[in-house]
């Protein structure tokens, strides 16, 4: 984390990446911005999510598996 200059961290279980980002941002005094350069997802899972109607929240960043 130090090598990348991280200032905060959280696990993403239960709320997904977006859910935890919202929780972190809610505690900040100043505006928060973050850029995701890479978001590893198991091969084929985006297609599986779409085929299932996207109900799990994977592509929206709210699935526990979005990490």
PDB file of N, CA and C in Angstrom:
ATOM      1  N   UNK A   1       0.813  -1.192   0.000  1.00  0.00           N
ATOM      2  CA  UNK A   1       0.000   0.000   0.000  1.00  0.00           C
ATOM      3  C   UNK A   1       0.861   1.262   0.000  1.00  0.00           C
ATOM      4  N   UNK A   2       1.937   1.214   0.743  1.00  0.00           N
ATOM      5  CA  UNK A   2       2.828   2.377   0.777  1.00  0.00           C
ATOM      6  C   UNK A   2       3.429   2.663  -0.592  1.00  0.00           C
ATOM      7  N   UNK A   3       3.753   1.618  -1.320  1.00  0.00           N
ATOM      8  CA  UNK A   3       4.369   1.794  -2.629  1.00  0.00           C
ATOM      9  C   UNK A   3       3.448   2.543  -3.590  1.00  0.00           C
ATOM     10  N   UNK A   4       2.132   2.444  -3.362  1.00  0.00           N
ATOM     11  CA  UNK A   4       1.168   3.090  -4.245  1.00  0.00           C
ATOM     12  C   UNK A   4       0.553   4.346  -3.639  1.00  0.00           C
ATOM     13  N   UNK A   5       1.025   4.728  -2.462  1.00  0.00           N
ATOM     14  CA  UNK A   5       0.550   5.964  -1.844  1.00  0.00           C
ATOM     15  C   UNK A   5      -0.875   5.896  -1.317  1.00  0.00           C
ATOM     16  N   UNK A   6      -1.318   4.723  -0.915  1.00  0.00           N
ATOM     17  CA  UNK A   6      -2.679   4.588  -0.395  1.00  0.00           C
ATOM     18  C   UNK A   6      -2.841   5.360   0.903  1.00  0.00           C
ATOM     19  N   UNK A   7      -3.980   5.999   1.059  1.00  0.00           N
ATOM     20  CA  UNK A   7      -4.297   6.755   2.264  1.00  0.00           C
ATOM     21  C   UNK A   7      -5.381   6.080   3.093  1.00  0.00           C
ATOM     22  N   UNK A   8      -6.057   5.104   2.506  1.00  0.00           N
ATOM     23  CA  UNK A   8      -7.123   4.392   3.210  1.00  0.00           C
ATOM     24  C   UNK A   8      -7.304   3.039   2.547  1.00  0.00           C
ATOM     25  N   UNK A   9      -7.957   2.141   3.252  1.00  0.00           N
ATOM     26  CA  UNK A   9      -8.214   0.816   2.679  1.00  0.00           C
ATOM     27  C   UNK A   9      -9.435   0.220   3.353  1.00  0.00           C
ATOM     28  N   UNK A  10     -10.065  -0.692   2.667  1.00  0.00           N
ATOM     29  CA  UNK A  10     -11.192  -1.425   3.213  1.00  0.00           C
ATOM     30  C   UNK A  10     -11.287  -2.758   2.499  1.00  0.00           C
ATOM     31  N   UNK A  11     -11.963  -3.692   3.110  1.00  0.00           N
ATOM     32  CA  UNK A  11     -12.288  -4.914   2.378  1.00  0.00           C
ATOM     33  C   UNK A  11     -13.541  -4.611   1.567  1.00  0.00           C
ATOM     34  N   UNK A  12     -13.872  -5.417   0.624  1.00  0.00           N
ATOM     35  CA  UNK A  12     -15.054  -5.165  -0.192  1.00  0.00           C
ATOM     36  C   UNK A  12     -16.108  -6.244  -0.010  1.00  0.00           C
ATOM     37  N   UNK A  13     -15.952  -7.066   0.993  1.00  0.00           N
ATOM     38  CA  UNK A  13     -16.936  -8.113   1.216  1.00  0.00           C
ATOM     39  C   UNK A  13     -18.234  -7.512   1.720  1.00  0.00           C
ATOM     40  N   UNK A  14     -19.311  -7.991   1.201  1.00  0.00           N
ATOM     41  CA  UNK A  14     -20.626  -7.588   1.678  1.00  0.00           C
ATOM     42  C   UNK A  14     -21.251  -6.423   0.942  1.00  0.00           C
ATOM     43  N   UNK A  15     -20.474  -5.406   0.588  1.00  0.00           N
ATOM     44  CA  UNK A  15     -21.051  -4.216  -0.030  1.00  0.00           C
ATOM     45  C   UNK A  15     -20.482  -3.912  -1.409  1.00  0.00           C
ATOM     46  N   UNK A  16     -19.489  -4.663  -1.820  1.00  0.00           N
ATOM     47  CA  UNK A  16     -18.860  -4.403  -3.106  1.00  0.00           C
ATOM     48  C   UNK A  16     -17.990  -3.162  -3.064  1.00  0.00           C
ATOM     49  N   UNK A  17     -17.274  -2.947  -4.115  1.00  0.00           N
ATOM     50  CA  UNK A  17     -16.351  -1.824  -4.220  1.00  0.00           C
ATOM     51  C   UNK A  17     -17.065  -0.487  -4.077  1.00  0.00           C
ATOM     52  N   UNK A  18     -18.168  -0.328  -4.773  1.00  0.00           N
ATOM     53  CA  UNK A  18     -18.896   0.943  -4.745  1.00  0.00           C
ATOM     54  C   UNK A  18     -19.501   1.209  -3.373  1.00  0.00           C
ATOM     55  N   UNK A  19     -20.054   0.192  -2.740  1.00  0.00           N
ATOM     56  CA  UNK A  19     -20.649   0.377  -1.421  1.00  0.00           C
ATOM     57  C   UNK A  19     -19.635   0.836  -0.398  1.00  0.00           C
ATOM     58  N   UNK A  20     -18.449   0.247  -0.404  1.00  0.00           N
ATOM     59  CA  UNK A  20     -17.418   0.660   0.542  1.00  0.00           C
ATOM     60  C   UNK A  20     -16.841   2.023   0.178  1.00  0.00           C
ATOM     61  N   UNK A  21     -16.740   2.326  -1.100  1.00  0.00           N
ATOM     62  CA  UNK A  21     -16.266   3.658  -1.499  1.00  0.00           C
ATOM     63  C   UNK A  21     -17.231   4.725  -1.003  1.00  0.00           C
ATOM     64  N   UNK A  22     -18.526   4.456  -1.095  1.00  0.00           N
ATOM     65  CA  UNK A  22     -19.519   5.418  -0.584  1.00  0.00           C
ATOM     66  C   UNK A  22     -19.362   5.607   0.923  1.00  0.00           C
ATOM     67  N   UNK A  23     -19.127   4.518   1.645  1.00  0.00           N
ATOM     68  CA  UNK A  23     -18.961   4.613   3.096  1.00  0.00           C
ATOM     69  C   UNK A  23     -17.714   5.415   3.455  1.00  0.00           C
ATOM     70  N   UNK A  24     -16.616   5.191   2.751  1.00  0.00           N
ATOM     71  CA  UNK A  24     -15.401   5.963   3.003  1.00  0.00           C
ATOM     72  C   UNK A  24     -15.614   7.440   2.672  1.00  0.00           C
ATOM     73  N   UNK A  25     -16.248   7.709   1.538  1.00  0.00           N
ATOM     74  CA  UNK A  25     -16.469   9.089   1.112  1.00  0.00           C
ATOM     75  C   UNK A  25     -17.373   9.835   2.092  1.00  0.00           C
ATOM     76  N   UNK A  26     -18.329   9.141   2.692  1.00  0.00           N
ATOM     77  CA  UNK A  26     -19.249   9.779   3.634  1.00  0.00           C
ATOM     78  C   UNK A  26     -18.530  10.287   4.881  1.00  0.00           C
ATOM     79  N   UNK A  27     -17.345   9.740   5.185  1.00  0.00           N
ATOM     80  CA  UNK A  27     -16.593  10.142   6.368  1.00  0.00           C
ATOM     81  C   UNK A  27     -15.579  11.251   6.087  1.00  0.00           C
ATOM     82  N   UNK A  28     -15.452  11.656   4.834  1.00  0.00           N
ATOM     83  CA  UNK A  28     -14.457  12.653   4.462  1.00  0.00           C
ATOM     84  C   UNK A  28     -14.990  14.063   4.667  1.00  0.00           C
ATOM     85  N   UNK A  29     -14.093  14.967   4.960  1.00  0.00           N
ATOM     86  CA  UNK A  29     -14.467  16.377   5.090  1.00  0.00           C
ATOM     87  C   UNK A  29     -14.401  17.098   3.747  1.00  0.00           C
ATOM     88  N   UNK A  30     -13.523  16.639   2.875  1.00  0.00           N
ATOM     89  CA  UNK A  30     -13.356  17.253   1.563  1.00  0.00           C
ATOM     90  C   UNK A  30     -13.911  16.331   0.486  1.00  0.00           C
ATOM     91  N   UNK A  31     -14.022  16.850  -0.720  1.00  0.00           N
ATOM     92  CA  UNK A  31     -14.483  16.031  -1.835  1.00  0.00           C
ATOM     93  C   UNK A  31     -13.553  14.845  -2.037  1.00  0.00           C
ATOM     94  N   UNK A  32     -14.109  13.760  -2.523  1.00  0.00           N
ATOM     95  CA  UNK A  32     -13.352  12.539  -2.764  1.00  0.00           C
ATOM     96  C   UNK A  32     -13.465  12.173  -4.235  1.00  0.00           C
ATOM     97  N   UNK A  33     -12.351  11.791  -4.809  1.00  0.00           N
ATOM     98  CA  UNK A  33     -12.342  11.291  -6.186  1.00  0.00           C
ATOM     99  C   UNK A  33     -11.398  10.101  -6.238  1.00  0.00           C
ATOM    100  N   UNK A  34     -11.756   9.103  -6.993  1.00  0.00           N
ATOM    101  CA  UNK A  34     -10.838   7.988  -7.196  1.00  0.00           C
ATOM    102  C   UNK A  34     -10.983   7.495  -8.620  1.00  0.00           C
ATOM    103  N   UNK A  35      -9.890   6.952  -9.112  1.00  0.00           N
ATOM    104  CA  UNK A  35      -9.831   6.439 -10.476  1.00  0.00           C
ATOM    105  C   UNK A  35      -9.438   4.976 -10.400  1.00  0.00           C
ATOM    106  N   UNK A  36     -10.191   4.150 -11.066  1.00  0.00           N
ATOM    107  CA  UNK A  36      -9.871   2.730 -11.122  1.00  0.00           C
ATOM    108  C   UNK A  36      -9.202   2.466 -12.460  1.00  0.00           C
ATOM    109  N   UNK A  37      -7.937   2.076 -12.409  1.00  0.00           N
ATOM    110  CA  UNK A  37      -7.213   1.777 -13.630  1.00  0.00           C
ATOM    111  C   UNK A  37      -7.469   0.346 -14.084  1.00  0.00           C
ATOM    112  N   UNK A  38      -7.557  -0.549 -13.141  1.00  0.00           N
ATOM    113  CA  UNK A  38      -7.798  -1.961 -13.427  1.00  0.00           C
ATOM    114  C   UNK A  38      -8.737  -2.511 -12.368  1.00  0.00           C
ATOM    115  N   UNK A  39      -9.663  -3.317 -12.797  1.00  0.00           N
ATOM    116  CA  UNK A  39     -10.558  -3.980 -11.861  1.00  0.00           C
ATOM    117  C   UNK A  39     -10.625  -5.447 -12.264  1.00  0.00           C
ATOM    118  N   UNK A  40      -9.799  -6.264 -11.631  1.00  0.00           N
ATOM    119  CA  UNK A  40      -9.778  -7.678 -11.997  1.00  0.00           C
ATOM    120  C   UNK A  40     -11.120  -8.352 -11.720  1.00  0.00           C
ATOM    121  N   UNK A  41     -11.597  -9.072 -12.698  1.00  0.00           N
ATOM    122  CA  UNK A  41     -12.820  -9.855 -12.583  1.00  0.00           C
ATOM    123  C   UNK A  41     -12.516 -11.222 -13.180  1.00  0.00           C
ATOM    124  N   UNK A  42     -13.007 -12.260 -12.556  1.00  0.00           N
ATOM    125  CA  UNK A  42     -12.781 -13.600 -13.103  1.00  0.00           C
ATOM    126  C   UNK A  42     -13.256 -13.665 -14.540  1.00  0.00           C
ATOM    127  N   UNK A  43     -12.466 -14.308 -15.368  1.00  0.00           N
ATOM    128  CA  UNK A  43     -12.780 -14.412 -16.798  1.00  0.00           C
ATOM    129  C   UNK A  43     -14.195 -14.937 -17.002  1.00  0.00           C
ATOM    130  N   UNK A  44     -14.948 -14.255 -17.804  1.00  0.00           N
ATOM    131  CA  UNK A  44     -16.291 -14.696 -18.162  1.00  0.00           C
ATOM    132  C   UNK A  44     -17.385 -14.259 -17.204  1.00  0.00           C
ATOM    133  N   UNK A  45     -17.035 -13.676 -16.055  1.00  0.00           N
ATOM    134  CA  UNK A  45     -18.064 -13.331 -15.066  1.00  0.00           C
ATOM    135  C   UNK A  45     -18.945 -12.168 -15.501  1.00  0.00           C
ATOM    136  N   UNK A  46     -18.407 -11.245 -16.281  1.00  0.00           N
ATOM    137  CA  UNK A  46     -19.249 -10.158 -16.779  1.00  0.00           C
ATOM    138  C   UNK A  46     -20.351 -10.728 -17.663  1.00  0.00           C
ATOM    139  N   UNK A  47     -20.013 -11.681 -18.518  1.00  0.00           N
ATOM    140  CA  UNK A  47     -21.015 -12.315 -19.378  1.00  0.00           C
ATOM    141  C   UNK A  47     -22.020 -13.108 -18.550  1.00  0.00           C
ATOM    142  N   UNK A  48     -21.549 -13.796 -17.530  1.00  0.00           N
ATOM    143  CA  UNK A  48     -22.459 -14.545 -16.652  1.00  0.00           C
ATOM    144  C   UNK A  48     -23.418 -13.588 -15.952  1.00  0.00           C
ATOM    145  N   UNK A  49     -22.899 -12.466 -15.479  1.00  0.00           N
ATOM    146  CA  UNK A  49     -23.737 -11.479 -14.805  1.00  0.00           C
ATOM    147  C   UNK A  49     -24.813 -10.936 -15.748  1.00  0.00           C
ATOM    148  N   UNK A  50     -24.411 -10.587 -16.961  1.00  0.00           N
ATOM    149  CA  UNK A  50     -25.380 -10.076 -17.936  1.00  0.00           C
ATOM    150  C   UNK A  50     -26.423 -11.134 -18.272  1.00  0.00           C
ATOM    151  N   UNK A  51     -25.991 -12.374 -18.437  1.00  0.00           N
ATOM    152  CA  UNK A  51     -26.923 -13.461 -18.773  1.00  0.00           C
ATOM    153  C   UNK A  51     -27.943 -13.677 -17.662  1.00  0.00           C
ATOM    154  N   UNK A  52     -27.556 -13.383 -16.440  1.00  0.00           N
ATOM    155  CA  UNK A  52     -28.466 -13.523 -15.303  1.00  0.00           C
ATOM    156  C   UNK A  52     -29.265 -12.266 -15.026  1.00  0.00           C
ATOM    157  N   UNK A  53     -29.225 -11.316 -15.923  1.00  0.00           N
ATOM    158  CA  UNK A  53     -29.990 -10.083 -15.756  1.00  0.00           C
ATOM    159  C   UNK A  53     -29.318  -9.054 -14.870  1.00  0.00           C
ATOM    160  N   UNK A  54     -28.062  -9.295 -14.488  1.00  0.00           N
ATOM    161  CA  UNK A  54     -27.311  -8.322 -13.691  1.00  0.00           C
ATOM    162  C   UNK A  54     -27.812  -8.166 -12.270  1.00  0.00           C
ATOM    163  N   UNK A  55     -28.596  -9.114 -11.781  1.00  0.00           N
ATOM    164  CA  UNK A  55     -29.205  -8.983 -10.456  1.00  0.00           C
ATOM    165  C   UNK A  55     -28.198  -8.995  -9.312  1.00  0.00           C
ATOM    166  N   UNK A  56     -27.015  -9.557  -9.509  1.00  0.00           N
ATOM    167  CA  UNK A  56     -26.045  -9.645  -8.418  1.00  0.00           C
ATOM    168  C   UNK A  56     -25.281  -8.371  -8.141  1.00  0.00           C
ATOM    169  N   UNK A  57     -25.324  -7.405  -9.058  1.00  0.00           N
ATOM    170  CA  UNK A  57     -24.641  -6.143  -8.859  1.00  0.00           C
ATOM    171  C   UNK A  57     -23.170  -6.141  -9.250  1.00  0.00           C
ATOM    172  N   UNK A  58     -22.685  -7.217  -9.886  1.00  0.00           N
ATOM    173  CA  UNK A  58     -21.270  -7.293 -10.243  1.00  0.00           C
ATOM    174  C   UNK A  58     -20.836  -6.123 -11.109  1.00  0.00           C
ATOM    175  N   UNK A  59     -21.559  -5.860 -12.168  1.00  0.00           N
ATOM    176  CA  UNK A  59     -21.156  -4.809 -13.104  1.00  0.00           C
ATOM    177  C   UNK A  59     -21.445  -3.406 -12.570  1.00  0.00           C
ATOM    178  N   UNK A  60     -22.279  -3.304 -11.549  1.00  0.00           N
ATOM    179  CA  UNK A  60     -22.589  -2.008 -10.945  1.00  0.00           C
ATOM    180  C   UNK A  60     -21.632  -1.689  -9.787  1.00  0.00           C
ATOM    181  N   UNK A  61     -20.785  -2.637  -9.413  1.00  0.00           N
ATOM    182  CA  UNK A  61     -19.827  -2.418  -8.340  1.00  0.00           C
ATOM    183  C   UNK A  61     -20.393  -2.628  -6.952  1.00  0.00           C
ATOM    184  N   UNK A  62     -21.575  -3.239  -6.856  1.00  0.00           N
ATOM    185  CA  UNK A  62     -22.199  -3.421  -5.558  1.00  0.00           C
ATOM    186  C   UNK A  62     -22.236  -4.865  -5.107  1.00  0.00           C
ATOM    187  N   UNK A  63     -21.637  -5.771  -5.877  1.00  0.00           N
ATOM    188  CA  UNK A  63     -21.602  -7.177  -5.501  1.00  0.00           C
ATOM    189  C   UNK A  63     -20.434  -7.429  -4.553  1.00  0.00           C
ATOM    190  N   UNK A  64     -20.588  -8.332  -3.595  1.00  0.00           N
ATOM    191  CA  UNK A  64     -19.469  -8.664  -2.721  1.00  0.00           C
ATOM    192  C   UNK A  64     -18.257  -9.168  -3.497  1.00  0.00           C
ATOM    193  N   UNK A  65     -18.488  -9.731  -4.670  1.00  0.00           N
ATOM    194  CA  UNK A  65     -17.403 -10.281  -5.465  1.00  0.00           C
ATOM    195  C   UNK A  65     -16.633  -9.232  -6.229  1.00  0.00           C
ATOM    196  N   UNK A  66     -17.105  -7.988  -6.249  1.00  0.00           N
ATOM    197  CA  UNK A  66     -16.405  -6.916  -6.962  1.00  0.00           C
ATOM    198  C   UNK A  66     -15.244  -6.462  -6.100  1.00  0.00           C
ATOM    199  N   UNK A  67     -14.114  -7.040  -6.329  1.00  0.00           N
ATOM    200  CA  UNK A  67     -12.958  -6.691  -5.507  1.00  0.00           C
ATOM    201  C   UNK A  67     -11.726  -6.598  -6.346  1.00  0.00           C
TER     202      UNK A  67
END
